[in-house]
Amino acid sequence: MIRTAKPAAAVLLLSLCLPSYVFGQKTDVVVLDNGDRLTGEVKRLERGKLVFKTDSLGTVEIEWDDILSVTSAQEFEVELETGERFFGPLGEDSDSNEVVVELSEGPMTLPHEEVVLITPIKSTFWGRVDGSLDLGFSYAQADQSSQLNLGLDASIRSRKYLRRLQVSSILSNRDEGEDVRRSTSSFEFSRFISRKWDTLAIGSAEQNEELGLDIRTMLSAGMRRHLVRSNSSNFSATLAAAVNRELYLGPQGEQYNLEAVAGLEYERFSFDDPEVDFTVKISVFPSLSESGRVRVEFESRLRRELVEDFFLVLSVYDSFDSDPPVEEVEHNDWGLTTSLGWSF
């Protein structure tokens, strides 16, 4: 004889079997400076906008200057312009334009205008992943040439570490001639050691057939200094040392090089509608093992939001080598690409 469970027992059994987030409610509260209150889930504060998920309005982006207070029981990383970081839930605001972080030793009140980053500390791997994916294609009928470009930028952030994967690939097909590839990929592991300083280790691989480069793999380690970090711009400088292995197209064999690395990266963003981001990065690689040789990598990207989370992307790149080890190859390769991007 089979008996059916009583309703109360069935509900209890179901609640134990299903994940807790099925029954979870969005209880974070945002109070706007006009007095409106929104209930939902804080996703993040970045680049002057608070991303807030609600049941009735969906996911909305609110300008940080329009927010009076934020309350949440989630654990967050809160970063200031000075580089100071605090970890804990967001408590109730006793005064306007302040952020209260509930630390283990007691509440910490932070000036609203100095907060530049609020990131949830997620427990799952995919919950901590942020990034963007770009894809573009162009075709010219005159010479029957086509170009496909792909870009990926994904990062995972924890209390002390940042892991970042970047991939960029361009494949050019010409009716009269061979296909030409230009690809770069890198994995960065950095550790936050103070308000303004990070240590970092980077492994990268590069291919550029336009410059005769079959493969270059490189390992580098050094320091990064955050010079400016605000709700409208970021500016950082990097100094490192690197060892690379190069293999060029042709009869010559592989070779190893020691290089210094000096880099600057600047980001500027506007949280007006539509959202616009501008990034420029330059890295200089003076050789320590080949006198007089200097490599330079330059890239710039402009993104303009079309609809929520989708962007039109315009990129410019330039690679320069003052003394490549192979004769009769180009010293410089530059280009411009357009693509559609998706942020996740």
C-alpha atoms as a PDB file:
ATOM      1  CA  MET A   1       0.000   0.000   0.000  1.00  0.00           C
ATOM      2  CA  ILE A   2       1.410   3.400  -1.042  1.00  0.00           C
ATOM      3  CA  ARG A   3       0.667   6.422   1.126  1.00  0.00           C
ATOM      4  CA  THR A   4       0.834  10.026  -0.044  1.00  0.00           C
ATOM      5  CA  ALA A   5       2.838  12.441   2.078  1.00  0.00           C
ATOM      6  CA  LYS A   6       1.034  15.113   4.013  1.00  0.00           C
ATOM      7  CA  PRO A   7       1.243  18.607   2.449  1.00  0.00           C
ATOM      8  CA  ALA A   8       3.505  19.966   5.205  1.00  0.00           C
ATOM      9  CA  ALA A   9       5.912  17.048   4.899  1.00  0.00           C
ATOM     10  CA  ALA A  10       5.963  17.355   1.118  1.00  0.00           C
ATOM     11  CA  VAL A  11       6.844  21.026   1.322  1.00  0.00           C
ATOM     12  CA  LEU A  12       9.604  20.294   3.818  1.00  0.00           C
ATOM     13  CA  LEU A  13      11.016  17.517   1.627  1.00  0.00           C
ATOM     14  CA  LEU A  14      10.908  19.766  -1.457  1.00  0.00           C
ATOM     15  CA  SER A  15      12.664  22.604   0.374  1.00  0.00           C
ATOM     16  CA  LEU A  16      15.500  20.255   1.351  1.00  0.00           C
ATOM     17  CA  CYS A  17      15.946  18.896  -2.165  1.00  0.00           C
ATOM     18  CA  LEU A  18      15.824  22.108  -4.147  1.00  0.00           C
ATOM     19  CA  PRO A  19      18.663  24.655  -4.147  1.00  0.00           C
ATOM     20  CA  SER A  20      18.248  27.416  -1.615  1.00  0.00           C
ATOM     21  CA  TYR A  21      18.236  30.143  -4.247  1.00  0.00           C
ATOM     22  CA  VAL A  22      14.899  28.866  -5.589  1.00  0.00           C
ATOM     23  CA  PHE A  23      13.203  30.180  -2.448  1.00  0.00           C
ATOM     24  CA  GLY A  24      15.527  33.125  -1.926  1.00  0.00           C
ATOM     25  CA  GLN A  25      14.056  36.575  -2.230  1.00  0.00           C
ATOM     26  CA  LYS A  26      15.755  39.702  -3.422  1.00  0.00           C
ATOM     27  CA  THR A  27      16.018  41.735  -0.218  1.00  0.00           C
ATOM     28  CA  ASP A  28      18.665  44.337  -1.067  1.00  0.00           C
ATOM     29  CA  VAL A  29      17.339  47.890  -0.821  1.00  0.00           C
ATOM     30  CA  VAL A  30      18.417  50.956  -2.787  1.00  0.00           C
ATOM     31  CA  VAL A  31      17.126  54.395  -1.765  1.00  0.00           C
ATOM     32  CA  LEU A  32      17.317  57.101  -4.428  1.00  0.00           C
ATOM     33  CA  ASP A  33      17.890  60.760  -3.664  1.00  0.00           C
ATOM     34  CA  ASN A  34      14.285  61.525  -4.684  1.00  0.00           C
ATOM     35  CA  GLY A  35      13.024  59.197  -1.937  1.00  0.00           C
ATOM     36  CA  ASP A  36      12.120  56.183  -4.124  1.00  0.00           C
ATOM     37  CA  ARG A  37      12.976  52.747  -2.715  1.00  0.00           C
ATOM     38  CA  LEU A  38      13.855  49.748  -4.875  1.00  0.00           C
ATOM     39  CA  THR A  39      14.030  46.156  -3.648  1.00  0.00           C
ATOM     40  CA  GLY A  40      16.114  43.627  -5.549  1.00  0.00           C
ATOM     41  CA  GLU A  41      19.679  42.322  -5.750  1.00  0.00           C
ATOM     42  CA  VAL A  42      22.886  44.341  -5.995  1.00  0.00           C
ATOM     43  CA  LYS A  43      24.986  42.906  -8.831  1.00  0.00           C
ATOM     44  CA  ARG A  44      27.903  45.366  -8.729  1.00  0.00           C
ATOM     45  CA  LEU A  45      28.997  48.989  -8.732  1.00  0.00           C
ATOM     46  CA  GLU A  46      31.480  49.740 -11.490  1.00  0.00           C
ATOM     47  CA  ARG A  47      32.344  52.752 -13.612  1.00  0.00           C
ATOM     48  CA  GLY A  48      29.866  55.014 -11.864  1.00  0.00           C
ATOM     49  CA  LYS A  49      26.830  52.744 -12.250  1.00  0.00           C
ATOM     50  CA  LEU A  50      25.114  50.410  -9.798  1.00  0.00           C
ATOM     51  CA  VAL A  51      23.739  47.333 -11.566  1.00  0.00           C
ATOM     52  CA  PHE A  52      20.580  46.302  -9.692  1.00  0.00           C
ATOM     53  CA  LYS A  53      18.297  43.348 -10.481  1.00  0.00           C
ATOM     54  CA  THR A  54      14.596  43.684  -9.644  1.00  0.00           C
ATOM     55  CA  ASP A  55      11.574  41.442 -10.163  1.00  0.00           C
ATOM     56  CA  SER A  56       9.338  44.100 -11.703  1.00  0.00           C
ATOM     57  CA  LEU A  57      11.805  46.243 -13.702  1.00  0.00           C
ATOM     58  CA  GLY A  58      14.387  43.638 -14.621  1.00  0.00           C
ATOM     59  CA  THR A  59      18.053  44.615 -14.377  1.00  0.00           C
ATOM     60  CA  VAL A  60      18.564  48.367 -14.210  1.00  0.00           C
ATOM     61  CA  GLU A  61      21.675  50.548 -14.112  1.00  0.00           C
ATOM     62  CA  ILE A  62      21.500  53.495 -11.714  1.00  0.00           C
ATOM     63  CA  GLU A  63      23.971  56.348 -11.671  1.00  0.00           C
ATOM     64  CA  TRP A  64      25.879  56.277  -8.393  1.00  0.00           C
ATOM     65  CA  ASP A  65      25.340  60.003  -7.860  1.00  0.00           C
ATOM     66  CA  ASP A  66      21.553  59.426  -7.830  1.00  0.00           C
ATOM     67  CA  ILE A  67      21.706  56.905  -4.957  1.00  0.00           C
ATOM     68  CA  LEU A  68      21.224  57.886  -1.314  1.00  0.00           C
ATOM     69  CA  SER A  69      21.944  54.506   0.332  1.00  0.00           C
ATOM     70  CA  VAL A  70      22.370  50.776  -0.341  1.00  0.00           C
ATOM     71  CA  THR A  71      21.557  47.986   2.129  1.00  0.00           C
ATOM     72  CA  SER A  72      22.336  44.302   1.578  1.00  0.00           C
ATOM     73  CA  ALA A  73      23.009  41.152   3.613  1.00  0.00           C
ATOM     74  CA  GLN A  74      25.348  39.848   0.895  1.00  0.00           C
ATOM     75  CA  GLU A  75      29.108  39.998   1.429  1.00  0.00           C
ATOM     76  CA  PHE A  76      30.845  42.555  -0.786  1.00  0.00           C
ATOM     77  CA  GLU A  77      34.259  43.923  -1.574  1.00  0.00           C
ATOM     78  CA  VAL A  78      34.077  47.735  -1.392  1.00  0.00           C
ATOM     79  CA  GLU A  79      36.963  49.706  -2.861  1.00  0.00           C
ATOM     80  CA  LEU A  80      37.721  53.414  -2.466  1.00  0.00           C
ATOM     81  CA  GLU A  81      39.560  55.855  -4.717  1.00  0.00           C
ATOM     82  CA  THR A  82      42.576  55.512  -2.423  1.00  0.00           C
ATOM     83  CA  GLY A  83      42.768  51.766  -3.128  1.00  0.00           C
ATOM     84  CA  GLU A  84      41.559  50.752   0.348  1.00  0.00           C
ATOM     85  CA  ARG A  85      39.362  47.636   0.332  1.00  0.00           C
ATOM     86  CA  PHE A  86      36.719  46.567   2.862  1.00  0.00           C
ATOM     87  CA  PHE A  87      34.768  43.287   3.038  1.00  0.00           C
ATOM     88  CA  GLY A  88      31.336  42.669   4.503  1.00  0.00           C
ATOM     89  CA  PRO A  89      27.575  43.229   4.132  1.00  0.00           C
ATOM     90  CA  LEU A  90      26.191  46.723   3.528  1.00  0.00           C
ATOM     91  CA  GLY A  91      24.432  48.068   6.632  1.00  0.00           C
ATOM     92  CA  GLU A  92      21.778  50.727   6.992  1.00  0.00           C
ATOM     93  CA  ASP A  93      22.888  54.257   6.322  1.00  0.00           C
ATOM     94  CA  SER A  94      22.620  56.574   9.312  1.00  0.00           C
ATOM     95  CA  ASP A  95      23.273  59.617   7.147  1.00  0.00           C
ATOM     96  CA  SER A  96      22.801  60.464   3.485  1.00  0.00           C
ATOM     97  CA  ASN A  97      25.551  59.799   0.952  1.00  0.00           C
ATOM     98  CA  GLU A  98      27.455  57.265   3.043  1.00  0.00           C
ATOM     99  CA  VAL A  99      28.114  53.548   2.644  1.00  0.00           C
ATOM    100  CA  VAL A 100      28.226  51.388   5.778  1.00  0.00           C
ATOM    101  CA  VAL A 101      30.244  48.146   5.579  1.00  0.00           C
ATOM    102  CA  GLU A 102      29.576  45.688   8.416  1.00  0.00           C
ATOM    103  CA  LEU A 103      33.099  44.519   9.268  1.00  0.00           C
ATOM    104  CA  SER A 104      33.798  41.759  11.794  1.00  0.00           C
ATOM    105  CA  GLU A 105      35.140  44.371  14.238  1.00  0.00           C
ATOM    106  CA  GLY A 106      32.197  46.724  13.721  1.00  0.00           C
ATOM    107  CA  PRO A 107      30.555  48.982  11.103  1.00  0.00           C
ATOM    108  CA  MET A 108      32.755  51.177   8.897  1.00  0.00           C
ATOM    109  CA  THR A 109      31.220  54.333   7.409  1.00  0.00           C
ATOM    110  CA  LEU A 110      32.656  55.340   4.023  1.00  0.00           C
ATOM    111  CA  PRO A 111      32.057  58.559   2.055  1.00  0.00           C
ATOM    112  CA  HIS A 112      29.698  57.863  -0.821  1.00  0.00           C
ATOM    113  CA  GLU A 113      31.698  59.880  -3.367  1.00  0.00           C
ATOM    114  CA  GLU A 114      34.924  57.940  -2.632  1.00  0.00           C
ATOM    115  CA  VAL A 115      33.440  54.487  -3.351  1.00  0.00           C
ATOM    116  CA  VAL A 116      34.408  53.329  -6.860  1.00  0.00           C
ATOM    117  CA  LEU A 117      33.787  49.568  -6.773  1.00  0.00           C
ATOM    118  CA  ILE A 118      31.305  47.262  -5.055  1.00  0.00           C
ATOM    119  CA  THR A 119      31.699  43.593  -5.996  1.00  0.00           C
ATOM    120  CA  PRO A 120      29.760  40.646  -4.513  1.00  0.00           C
ATOM    121  CA  ILE A 121      31.961  37.890  -3.087  1.00  0.00           C
ATOM    122  CA  LYS A 122      30.368  34.915  -4.827  1.00  0.00           C
ATOM    123  CA  SER A 123      30.847  31.339  -3.648  1.00  0.00           C
ATOM    124  CA  THR A 124      30.506  29.695  -7.080  1.00  0.00           C
ATOM    125  CA  PHE A 125      33.026  29.857  -9.932  1.00  0.00           C
ATOM    126  CA  TRP A 126      30.636  31.172 -12.596  1.00  0.00           C
ATOM    127  CA  GLY A 127      29.193  33.693 -10.179  1.00  0.00           C
ATOM    128  CA  ARG A 128      32.608  35.390 -10.006  1.00  0.00           C
ATOM    129  CA  VAL A 129      33.209  35.571 -13.783  1.00  0.00           C
ATOM    130  CA  ASP A 130      32.884  38.932 -15.562  1.00  0.00           C
ATOM    131  CA  GLY A 131      33.919  39.829 -19.076  1.00  0.00           C
ATOM    132  CA  SER A 132      33.062  40.559 -22.679  1.00  0.00           C
ATOM    133  CA  LEU A 133      33.028  38.777 -26.042  1.00  0.00           C
ATOM    134  CA  ASP A 134      33.551  40.574 -29.387  1.00  0.00           C
ATOM    135  CA  LEU A 135      32.942  39.180 -32.871  1.00  0.00           C
ATOM    136  CA  GLY A 136      33.346  40.959 -36.210  1.00  0.00           C
ATOM    137  CA  PHE A 137      33.372  40.139 -39.935  1.00  0.00           C
ATOM    138  CA  SER A 138      34.093  42.220 -43.026  1.00  0.00           C
ATOM    139  CA  TYR A 139      34.177  41.493 -46.784  1.00  0.00           C
ATOM    140  CA  ALA A 140      35.415  43.505 -49.773  1.00  0.00           C
ATOM    141  CA  GLN A 141      34.052  42.447 -53.168  1.00  0.00           C
ATOM    142  CA  ALA A 142      36.685  44.352 -55.144  1.00  0.00           C
ATOM    143  CA  ASP A 143      39.531  42.017 -54.200  1.00  0.00           C
ATOM    144  CA  GLN A 144      37.328  39.294 -52.685  1.00  0.00           C
ATOM    145  CA  SER A 145      39.022  39.627 -49.313  1.00  0.00           C
ATOM    146  CA  SER A 146      37.440  38.925 -45.941  1.00  0.00           C
ATOM    147  CA  GLN A 147      38.426  39.360 -42.317  1.00  0.00           C
ATOM    148  CA  LEU A 148      37.166  37.646 -39.182  1.00  0.00           C
ATOM    149  CA  ASN A 149      38.105  38.978 -35.748  1.00  0.00           C
ATOM    150  CA  LEU A 150      37.358  37.566 -32.303  1.00  0.00           C
ATOM    151  CA  GLY A 151      38.049  38.993 -28.839  1.00  0.00           C
ATOM    152  CA  LEU A 152      37.510  37.594 -25.349  1.00  0.00           C
ATOM    153  CA  ASP A 153      38.182  39.263 -22.007  1.00  0.00           C
ATOM    154  CA  ALA A 154      37.170  37.355 -18.854  1.00  0.00           C
ATOM    155  CA  SER A 155      38.210  37.870 -15.236  1.00  0.00           C
ATOM    156  CA  ILE A 156      37.631  36.296 -11.823  1.00  0.00           C
ATOM    157  CA  ARG A 157      38.131  38.412  -8.721  1.00  0.00           C
ATOM    158  CA  SER A 158      38.458  37.295  -5.104  1.00  0.00           C
ATOM    159  CA  ARG A 159      39.503  39.071  -1.896  1.00  0.00           C
ATOM    160  CA  LYS A 160      43.217  39.008  -2.690  1.00  0.00           C
ATOM    161  CA  TYR A 161      43.580  37.825  -6.275  1.00  0.00           C
ATOM    162  CA  LEU A 162      42.580  38.671  -9.845  1.00  0.00           C
ATOM    163  CA  ARG A 163      42.793  36.153 -12.677  1.00  0.00           C
ATOM    164  CA  ARG A 164      42.249  37.461 -16.207  1.00  0.00           C
ATOM    165  CA  LEU A 165      42.152  35.746 -19.599  1.00  0.00           C
ATOM    166  CA  GLN A 166      42.434  37.806 -22.798  1.00  0.00           C
ATOM    167  CA  VAL A 167      42.260  36.434 -26.351  1.00  0.00           C
ATOM    168  CA  SER A 168      42.387  38.369 -29.629  1.00  0.00           C
ATOM    169  CA  SER A 169      42.474  36.788 -33.078  1.00  0.00           C
ATOM    170  CA  ILE A 170      42.265  38.195 -36.618  1.00  0.00           C
ATOM    171  CA  LEU A 171      42.100  35.981 -39.728  1.00  0.00           C
ATOM    172  CA  SER A 172      42.442  37.720 -43.094  1.00  0.00           C
ATOM    173  CA  ASN A 173      41.571  35.824 -46.261  1.00  0.00           C
ATOM    174  CA  ARG A 174      42.732  37.132 -49.631  1.00  0.00           C
ATOM    175  CA  ASP A 175      41.641  35.772 -53.006  1.00  0.00           C
ATOM    176  CA  GLU A 176      45.148  36.189 -54.413  1.00  0.00           C
ATOM    177  CA  GLY A 177      47.461  35.140 -51.627  1.00  0.00           C
ATOM    178  CA  GLU A 178      47.677  33.104 -48.445  1.00  0.00           C
ATOM    179  CA  ASP A 179      45.580  33.580 -45.344  1.00  0.00           C
ATOM    180  CA  VAL A 180      47.202  35.829 -42.740  1.00  0.00           C
ATOM    181  CA  ARG A 181      46.700  35.313 -39.003  1.00  0.00           C
ATOM    182  CA  ARG A 182      47.323  37.594 -36.067  1.00  0.00           C
ATOM    183  CA  SER A 183      46.569  36.152 -32.641  1.00  0.00           C
ATOM    184  CA  THR A 184      47.426  37.018 -29.067  1.00  0.00           C
ATOM    185  CA  SER A 185      46.397  35.360 -25.826  1.00  0.00           C
ATOM    186  CA  SER A 186      47.425  35.982 -22.242  1.00  0.00           C
ATOM    187  CA  PHE A 187      46.611  34.800 -18.748  1.00  0.00           C
ATOM    188  CA  GLU A 188      47.302  37.178 -15.870  1.00  0.00           C
ATOM    189  CA  PHE A 189      47.472  36.301 -12.201  1.00  0.00           C
ATOM    190  CA  SER A 190      47.758  39.279  -9.867  1.00  0.00           C
ATOM    191  CA  ARG A 191      47.714  39.689  -6.103  1.00  0.00           C
ATOM    192  CA  PHE A 192      46.613  42.838  -4.284  1.00  0.00           C
ATOM    193  CA  ILE A 193      49.366  43.752  -1.816  1.00  0.00           C
ATOM    194  CA  SER A 194      48.489  47.337  -0.814  1.00  0.00           C
ATOM    195  CA  ARG A 195      46.158  50.207  -1.640  1.00  0.00           C
ATOM    196  CA  LYS A 196      47.857  51.043  -4.935  1.00  0.00           C
ATOM    197  CA  TRP A 197      50.150  48.117  -5.727  1.00  0.00           C
ATOM    198  CA  ASP A 198      49.640  44.653  -7.238  1.00  0.00           C
ATOM    199  CA  THR A 199      52.125  41.911  -8.015  1.00  0.00           C
ATOM    200  CA  LEU A 200      51.478  40.099 -11.274  1.00  0.00           C
ATOM    201  CA  ALA A 201      52.605  37.137 -13.338  1.00  0.00           C
ATOM    202  CA  ILE A 202      51.599  36.823 -17.001  1.00  0.00           C
ATOM    203  CA  GLY A 203      51.900  33.993 -19.493  1.00  0.00           C
ATOM    204  CA  SER A 204      51.222  34.873 -23.138  1.00  0.00           C
ATOM    205  CA  ALA A 205      51.432  33.544 -26.686  1.00  0.00           C
ATOM    206  CA  GLU A 206      51.485  35.543 -29.921  1.00  0.00           C
ATOM    207  CA  GLN A 207      51.380  34.841 -33.647  1.00  0.00           C
ATOM    208  CA  ASN A 208      51.753  37.443 -36.410  1.00  0.00           C
ATOM    209  CA  GLU A 209      52.320  36.116 -39.913  1.00  0.00           C
ATOM    210  CA  GLU A 210      52.431  39.653 -41.335  1.00  0.00           C
ATOM    211  CA  LEU A 211      55.684  40.136 -39.386  1.00  0.00           C
ATOM    212  CA  GLY A 212      56.915  36.599 -40.104  1.00  0.00           C
ATOM    213  CA  LEU A 213      56.325  35.493 -36.500  1.00  0.00           C
ATOM    214  CA  ASP A 214      55.182  31.892 -36.213  1.00  0.00           C
ATOM    215  CA  ILE A 215      54.969  31.831 -32.417  1.00  0.00           C
ATOM    216  CA  ARG A 216      56.229  33.847 -29.459  1.00  0.00           C
ATOM    217  CA  THR A 217      55.618  32.565 -25.934  1.00  0.00           C
ATOM    218  CA  MET A 218      56.491  34.741 -22.971  1.00  0.00           C
ATOM    219  CA  LEU A 219      56.530  34.624 -19.187  1.00  0.00           C
ATOM    220  CA  SER A 220      56.735  37.886 -17.246  1.00  0.00           C
ATOM    221  CA  ALA A 221      56.556  38.967 -13.623  1.00  0.00           C
ATOM    222  CA  GLY A 222      56.479  42.398 -12.039  1.00  0.00           C
ATOM    223  CA  MET A 223      54.450  45.104 -10.315  1.00  0.00           C
ATOM    224  CA  ARG A 224      51.485  47.289 -11.225  1.00  0.00           C
ATOM    225  CA  ARG A 225      50.781  50.709  -9.738  1.00  0.00           C
ATOM    226  CA  HIS A 226      47.254  52.174  -9.809  1.00  0.00           C
ATOM    227  CA  LEU A 227      47.800  55.893 -10.375  1.00  0.00           C
ATOM    228  CA  VAL A 228      44.145  56.935 -10.762  1.00  0.00           C
ATOM    229  CA  ARG A 229      40.984  55.005  -9.897  1.00  0.00           C
ATOM    230  CA  SER A 230      37.657  56.824  -9.929  1.00  0.00           C
ATOM    231  CA  ASN A 231      34.083  56.515 -11.173  1.00  0.00           C
ATOM    232  CA  SER A 232      35.059  58.015 -14.536  1.00  0.00           C
ATOM    233  CA  SER A 233      38.598  56.780 -15.263  1.00  0.00           C
ATOM    234  CA  ASN A 234      41.389  54.337 -14.391  1.00  0.00           C
ATOM    235  CA  PHE A 235      45.095  54.817 -15.032  1.00  0.00           C
ATOM    236  CA  SER A 236      47.807  52.279 -14.184  1.00  0.00           C
ATOM    237  CA  ALA A 237      51.500  51.644 -14.882  1.00  0.00           C
ATOM    238  CA  THR A 238      53.327  48.307 -15.073  1.00  0.00           C
ATOM    239  CA  LEU A 239      57.012  47.416 -14.743  1.00  0.00           C
ATOM    240  CA  ALA A 240      58.194  43.835 -15.198  1.00  0.00           C
ATOM    241  CA  ALA A 241      60.876  41.491 -16.538  1.00  0.00           C
ATOM    242  CA  ALA A 242      60.179  38.819 -19.151  1.00  0.00           C
ATOM    243  CA  VAL A 243      61.724  35.844 -20.927  1.00  0.00           C
ATOM    244  CA  ASN A 244      60.389  34.797 -24.324  1.00  0.00           C
ATOM    245  CA  ARG A 245      60.876  32.104 -26.923  1.00  0.00           C
ATOM    246  CA  GLU A 246      60.531  33.162 -30.570  1.00  0.00           C
ATOM    247  CA  LEU A 247      60.140  31.067 -33.697  1.00  0.00           C
ATOM    248  CA  TYR A 248      59.930  32.908 -37.022  1.00  0.00           C
ATOM    249  CA  LEU A 249      58.787  31.587 -40.393  1.00  0.00           C
ATOM    250  CA  GLY A 250      61.887  30.509 -42.318  1.00  0.00           C
ATOM    251  CA  PRO A 251      64.997  28.338 -41.896  1.00  0.00           C
ATOM    252  CA  GLN A 252      66.293  29.931 -38.698  1.00  0.00           C
ATOM    253  CA  GLY A 253      65.709  28.098 -35.437  1.00  0.00           C
ATOM    254  CA  GLU A 254      64.155  29.190 -32.195  1.00  0.00           C
ATOM    255  CA  GLN A 255      65.748  31.768 -29.939  1.00  0.00           C
ATOM    256  CA  TYR A 256      65.313  32.971 -26.371  1.00  0.00           C
ATOM    257  CA  ASN A 257      65.352  36.598 -25.230  1.00  0.00           C
ATOM    258  CA  LEU A 258      65.305  38.568 -22.001  1.00  0.00           C
ATOM    259  CA  GLU A 259      63.263  41.769 -22.001  1.00  0.00           C
ATOM    260  CA  ALA A 260      62.187  44.531 -19.686  1.00  0.00           C
ATOM    261  CA  VAL A 261      58.502  45.484 -19.805  1.00  0.00           C
ATOM    262  CA  ALA A 262      57.072  48.966 -19.244  1.00  0.00           C
ATOM    263  CA  GLY A 263      53.375  49.602 -19.797  1.00  0.00           C
ATOM    264  CA  LEU A 264      50.659  52.202 -19.359  1.00  0.00           C
ATOM    265  CA  GLU A 265      46.895  51.599 -19.500  1.00  0.00           C
ATOM    266  CA  TYR A 266      44.188  54.266 -19.425  1.00  0.00           C
ATOM    267  CA  GLU A 267      40.418  53.777 -19.303  1.00  0.00           C
ATOM    268  CA  ARG A 268      37.788  56.472 -19.604  1.00  0.00           C
ATOM    269  CA  PHE A 269      34.072  55.775 -19.319  1.00  0.00           C
ATOM    270  CA  SER A 270      30.823  57.669 -19.400  1.00  0.00           C
ATOM    271  CA  PHE A 271      27.695  56.366 -17.687  1.00  0.00           C
ATOM    272  CA  ASP A 272      25.387  58.561 -19.720  1.00  0.00           C
ATOM    273  CA  ASP A 273      22.933  56.845 -22.056  1.00  0.00           C
ATOM    274  CA  PRO A 274      24.305  55.369 -24.300  1.00  0.00           C
ATOM    275  CA  GLU A 275      27.284  54.063 -22.341  1.00  0.00           C
ATOM    276  CA  VAL A 276      30.683  54.789 -23.925  1.00  0.00           C
ATOM    277  CA  ASP A 277      34.052  53.291 -22.892  1.00  0.00           C
ATOM    278  CA  PHE A 278      37.498  54.181 -24.209  1.00  0.00           C
ATOM    279  CA  THR A 279      40.664  52.187 -23.463  1.00  0.00           C
ATOM    280  CA  VAL A 280      44.245  52.755 -24.621  1.00  0.00           C
ATOM    281  CA  LYS A 281      47.214  50.553 -23.718  1.00  0.00           C
ATOM    282  CA  ILE A 282      50.868  50.734 -24.717  1.00  0.00           C
ATOM    283  CA  SER A 283      53.628  48.280 -23.762  1.00  0.00           C
ATOM    284  CA  VAL A 284      57.324  48.729 -24.520  1.00  0.00           C
ATOM    285  CA  PHE A 285      59.738  45.745 -24.529  1.00  0.00           C
ATOM    286  CA  PRO A 286      63.415  46.841 -24.640  1.00  0.00           C
ATOM    287  CA  SER A 287      65.601  43.774 -25.112  1.00  0.00           C
ATOM    288  CA  LEU A 288      68.153  42.926 -22.414  1.00  0.00           C
ATOM    289  CA  SER A 289      69.852  40.242 -24.524  1.00  0.00           C
ATOM    290  CA  GLU A 290      69.926  41.942 -27.978  1.00  0.00           C
ATOM    291  CA  SER A 291      71.433  45.403 -27.926  1.00  0.00           C
ATOM    292  CA  GLY A 292      69.291  48.045 -29.610  1.00  0.00           C
ATOM    293  CA  ARG A 293      66.180  45.922 -30.183  1.00  0.00           C
ATOM    294  CA  VAL A 294      62.877  47.359 -28.937  1.00  0.00           C
ATOM    295  CA  ARG A 295      59.356  46.024 -29.430  1.00  0.00           C
ATOM    296  CA  VAL A 296      56.204  48.118 -28.938  1.00  0.00           C
ATOM    297  CA  GLU A 297      52.592  46.917 -28.663  1.00  0.00           C
ATOM    298  CA  PHE A 298      49.764  49.456 -28.889  1.00  0.00           C
ATOM    299  CA  GLU A 299      46.024  48.880 -28.716  1.00  0.00           C
ATOM    300  CA  SER A 300      43.023  51.138 -28.350  1.00  0.00           C
ATOM    301  CA  ARG A 301      39.334  50.319 -28.126  1.00  0.00           C
ATOM    302  CA  LEU A 302      36.163  52.405 -28.234  1.00  0.00           C
ATOM    303  CA  ARG A 303      32.868  50.782 -27.179  1.00  0.00           C
ATOM    304  CA  ARG A 304      29.424  52.326 -27.591  1.00  0.00           C
ATOM    305  CA  GLU A 305      26.337  50.658 -26.157  1.00  0.00           C
ATOM    306  CA  LEU A 306      23.625  49.754 -28.684  1.00  0.00           C
ATOM    307  CA  VAL A 307      21.185  47.971 -26.364  1.00  0.00           C
ATOM    308  CA  GLU A 308      21.622  46.566 -22.868  1.00  0.00           C
ATOM    309  CA  ASP A 309      24.882  44.547 -22.633  1.00  0.00           C
ATOM    310  CA  PHE A 310      25.565  44.797 -26.398  1.00  0.00           C
ATOM    311  CA  PHE A 311      28.139  47.176 -27.856  1.00  0.00           C
ATOM    312  CA  LEU A 312      29.579  48.413 -31.121  1.00  0.00           C
ATOM    313  CA  VAL A 313      33.377  48.081 -30.808  1.00  0.00           C
ATOM    314  CA  LEU A 314      36.056  49.924 -32.790  1.00  0.00           C
ATOM    315  CA  SER A 315      39.648  48.737 -32.190  1.00  0.00           C
ATOM    316  CA  VAL A 316      43.041  49.914 -33.408  1.00  0.00           C
ATOM    317  CA  TYR A 317      46.242  47.909 -32.961  1.00  0.00           C
ATOM    318  CA  ASP A 318      49.906  48.407 -33.850  1.00  0.00           C
ATOM    319  CA  SER A 319      52.897  46.046 -33.424  1.00  0.00           C
ATOM    320  CA  PHE A 320      56.454  47.319 -33.963  1.00  0.00           C
ATOM    321  CA  ASP A 321      59.827  45.552 -33.859  1.00  0.00           C
ATOM    322  CA  SER A 322      62.928  47.680 -34.425  1.00  0.00           C
ATOM    323  CA  ASP A 323      65.201  44.735 -35.277  1.00  0.00           C
ATOM    324  CA  PRO A 324      63.388  41.479 -36.092  1.00  0.00           C
ATOM    325  CA  PRO A 325      65.706  38.455 -36.335  1.00  0.00           C
ATOM    326  CA  VAL A 326      64.556  37.697 -39.890  1.00  0.00           C
ATOM    327  CA  GLU A 327      65.545  39.876 -42.826  1.00  0.00           C
ATOM    328  CA  GLU A 328      63.026  41.140 -45.388  1.00  0.00           C
ATOM    329  CA  VAL A 329      60.056  41.130 -43.009  1.00  0.00           C
ATOM    330  CA  GLU A 330      57.985  44.118 -42.016  1.00  0.00           C
ATOM    331  CA  HIS A 331      58.961  46.061 -38.913  1.00  0.00           C
ATOM    332  CA  ASN A 332      55.422  47.288 -38.310  1.00  0.00           C
ATOM    333  CA  ASP A 333      51.898  45.859 -38.518  1.00  0.00           C
ATOM    334  CA  TRP A 334      48.800  47.894 -37.731  1.00  0.00           C
ATOM    335  CA  GLY A 335      45.106  47.613 -38.388  1.00  0.00           C
ATOM    336  CA  LEU A 336      41.570  48.659 -37.520  1.00  0.00           C
ATOM    337  CA  THR A 337      38.669  46.339 -36.730  1.00  0.00           C
ATOM    338  CA  THR A 338      34.969  46.749 -36.009  1.00  0.00           C
ATOM    339  CA  SER A 339      32.852  44.201 -34.175  1.00  0.00           C
ATOM    340  CA  LEU A 340      29.797  43.637 -32.017  1.00  0.00           C
ATOM    341  CA  GLY A 341      30.444  42.982 -28.347  1.00  0.00           C
ATOM    342  CA  TRP A 342      28.520  41.371 -25.503  1.00  0.00           C
ATOM    343  CA  SER A 343      29.291  41.970 -21.810  1.00  0.00           C
ATOM    344  CA  PHE A 344      28.568  39.227 -19.263  1.00  0.00           C
END
